[in-house]
Amino acid sequence: MAGERQARLADRIRVILAERLEKGLRDPRLGFVTITDVRVTGDLQHASVFYTVLGTEEERIASGAALTSATGMLRSEVGRQLSTRLVPTLEFIPDALPENADHIGALLREAQQRDADVAKLASSASHAGDADPYRTEDDPE
């Protein structure tokens, strides 16, 4: 039961923050930010907000600083739109999902290339050793 309430609250916080960021903050450091996930603790006192920023590393750092400085205003917005007695504190955490996905993609491409190399070697390979003198053509392998 508590897990369901956590999930609903996390989803609602994600929507509220996404809508607020879509309207924009008055901070020139804020880039193109996407809220990817929100996780709320069991006691509903703390919310970890995961986000990604489209752009360079400098834009990511600047957007993170802008979100951190706007945490109070964003928490007030969340509190105004939620019907809970207590408003959870917000912690903004950069989501490493895009970097992890790029890394996994590179590893998969490398594995595919190695598989192709092994298949190429196997196609021209022959068995090692001498032929079995006791084996006939009718024997199953």
Protein backbone atom coordinates (compact mmCIF):
# COMPACT_ATOMS: atom_id res chain seq x y z
CA MET A 1 0.00 0.00 0.00
CA ALA A 2 2.75 2.44 0.91
CA GLY A 3 4.65 1.56 -2.26
CA GLU A 4 1.65 2.48 -4.38
CA ARG A 5 1.32 5.84 -2.63
CA GLN A 6 5.04 6.49 -3.08
CA ALA A 7 4.76 5.74 -6.79
CA ARG A 8 1.73 8.01 -7.25
CA LEU A 9 3.41 10.85 -5.34
CA ALA A 10 6.66 10.42 -7.29
CA ASP A 11 4.80 10.48 -10.59
CA ARG A 12 2.84 13.58 -9.58
CA ILE A 13 6.03 15.38 -8.50
CA ARG A 14 7.66 14.47 -11.83
CA VAL A 15 4.72 15.93 -13.77
CA ILE A 16 4.63 19.12 -11.66
CA LEU A 17 8.37 19.72 -12.06
CA ALA A 18 8.31 18.95 -15.79
CA GLU A 19 5.46 21.39 -16.35
CA ARG A 20 7.21 24.07 -14.30
CA LEU A 21 10.48 23.61 -16.17
CA GLU A 22 8.60 23.72 -19.46
CA LYS A 23 7.29 27.17 -18.52
CA GLY A 24 10.87 28.11 -17.74
CA LEU A 25 12.80 29.50 -14.83
CA ARG A 26 14.31 32.94 -14.80
CA ASP A 27 17.80 31.53 -14.75
CA PRO A 28 19.95 31.87 -17.87
CA ARG A 29 22.07 28.89 -16.76
CA LEU A 30 19.18 26.46 -17.21
CA GLY A 31 19.46 24.45 -20.43
CA PHE A 32 17.18 21.87 -21.97
CA VAL A 33 16.39 19.76 -18.88
CA THR A 34 14.33 16.56 -18.87
CA ILE A 35 13.07 15.03 -15.63
CA THR A 36 13.65 11.30 -16.10
CA ASP A 37 12.59 9.87 -12.74
CA VAL A 38 11.53 10.77 -9.21
CA ARG A 39 11.95 8.46 -6.24
CA VAL A 40 10.26 9.20 -2.93
CA THR A 41 11.35 7.67 0.38
CA GLY A 42 8.98 5.43 2.31
CA ASP A 43 8.10 8.16 4.80
CA LEU A 44 7.37 10.58 1.89
CA GLN A 45 9.80 13.13 3.34
CA HIS A 46 12.43 13.18 0.61
CA ALA A 47 12.27 13.05 -3.20
CA SER A 48 15.27 12.32 -5.39
CA VAL A 49 14.72 13.94 -8.78
CA PHE A 50 16.78 12.51 -11.64
CA TYR A 51 17.32 14.70 -14.70
CA THR A 52 19.25 14.84 -17.95
CA VAL A 53 20.47 17.89 -19.84
CA LEU A 54 20.87 18.03 -23.59
CA GLY A 55 24.12 19.78 -24.40
CA THR A 56 27.76 20.01 -23.46
CA GLU A 57 29.33 19.17 -20.12
CA GLU A 58 29.45 22.89 -19.22
CA GLU A 59 25.71 23.21 -19.93
CA ARG A 60 25.03 20.17 -17.76
CA ILE A 61 26.99 21.66 -14.86
CA ALA A 62 25.33 25.07 -15.26
CA SER A 63 21.86 23.52 -15.44
CA GLY A 64 22.59 21.48 -12.31
CA ALA A 65 23.57 24.66 -10.48
CA ALA A 66 20.42 26.40 -11.71
CA LEU A 67 18.22 23.55 -10.48
CA THR A 68 19.97 23.51 -7.12
CA SER A 69 19.48 27.25 -6.68
CA ALA A 70 15.80 26.97 -7.68
CA THR A 71 15.09 24.04 -5.33
CA GLY A 72 13.17 26.19 -2.84
CA MET A 73 10.94 27.72 -5.48
CA LEU A 74 10.33 24.33 -7.11
CA ARG A 75 9.50 22.76 -3.74
CA SER A 76 7.00 25.57 -3.11
CA GLU A 77 5.41 24.84 -6.48
CA VAL A 78 5.20 21.14 -5.65
CA GLY A 79 3.67 21.94 -2.24
CA ARG A 80 1.11 24.27 -3.78
CA GLN A 81 -0.10 21.61 -6.23
CA LEU A 82 0.03 18.58 -3.93
CA SER A 83 -2.61 17.89 -1.33
CA THR A 84 -0.27 16.44 1.30
CA ARG A 85 0.38 17.60 4.82
CA LEU A 86 4.14 17.63 4.35
CA VAL A 87 6.03 18.54 1.18
CA PRO A 88 9.06 16.33 0.50
CA THR A 89 12.47 17.91 0.19
CA LEU A 90 13.85 17.82 -3.34
CA GLU A 91 17.29 16.63 -4.31
CA PHE A 92 18.33 16.99 -7.95
CA ILE A 93 20.63 14.23 -9.21
CA PRO A 94 22.04 14.11 -12.75
CA ASP A 95 20.91 10.90 -14.42
CA ALA A 96 23.73 8.86 -15.91
CA LEU A 97 21.37 6.95 -18.19
CA PRO A 98 22.51 8.50 -21.51
CA GLU A 99 26.20 7.93 -20.74
CA ASN A 100 25.51 4.37 -19.61
CA ALA A 101 23.47 3.70 -22.75
CA ASP A 102 26.30 5.01 -24.96
CA HIS A 103 28.80 2.82 -23.12
CA ILE A 104 26.60 -0.27 -23.42
CA GLY A 105 26.06 0.46 -27.12
CA ALA A 106 29.83 0.67 -27.66
CA LEU A 107 30.34 -2.62 -25.84
CA LEU A 108 27.64 -4.30 -27.94
CA ARG A 109 29.21 -3.02 -31.18
CA GLU A 110 32.60 -4.35 -30.03
CA ALA A 111 31.09 -7.75 -29.16
CA GLN A 112 29.35 -7.90 -32.55
CA GLN A 113 32.64 -7.12 -34.33
CA ARG A 114 34.45 -9.83 -32.35
CA ASP A 115 31.69 -12.34 -33.16
CA ALA A 116 32.07 -11.51 -36.85
CA ASP A 117 35.86 -11.99 -36.61
CA VAL A 118 35.43 -15.37 -34.91
CA ALA A 119 32.85 -16.46 -37.50
CA LYS A 120 35.25 -15.46 -40.29
CA LEU A 121 38.05 -17.51 -38.72
CA ALA A 122 35.72 -20.46 -38.13
CA SER A 123 34.55 -20.54 -41.75
CA SER A 124 38.06 -21.29 -43.02
CA ALA A 125 39.13 -23.52 -40.12
CA SER A 126 39.67 -27.25 -40.25
CA HIS A 127 39.77 -29.84 -37.49
CA ALA A 128 43.07 -30.32 -35.72
CA GLY A 129 44.82 -33.70 -35.73
CA ASP A 130 44.63 -36.71 -37.98
CA ALA A 131 41.44 -38.23 -39.23
CA ASP A 132 39.95 -41.05 -37.13
CA PRO A 133 40.95 -44.30 -38.87
CA TYR A 134 38.08 -46.24 -37.22
CA ARG A 135 35.33 -43.83 -38.23
CA THR A 136 33.21 -44.59 -41.26
CA GLU A 137 30.95 -42.30 -43.23
CA ASP A 138 27.85 -43.97 -41.76
CA ASP A 139 28.78 -43.17 -38.12
CA PRO A 140 26.81 -40.37 -36.47
CA GLU A 141 28.85 -37.48 -35.26
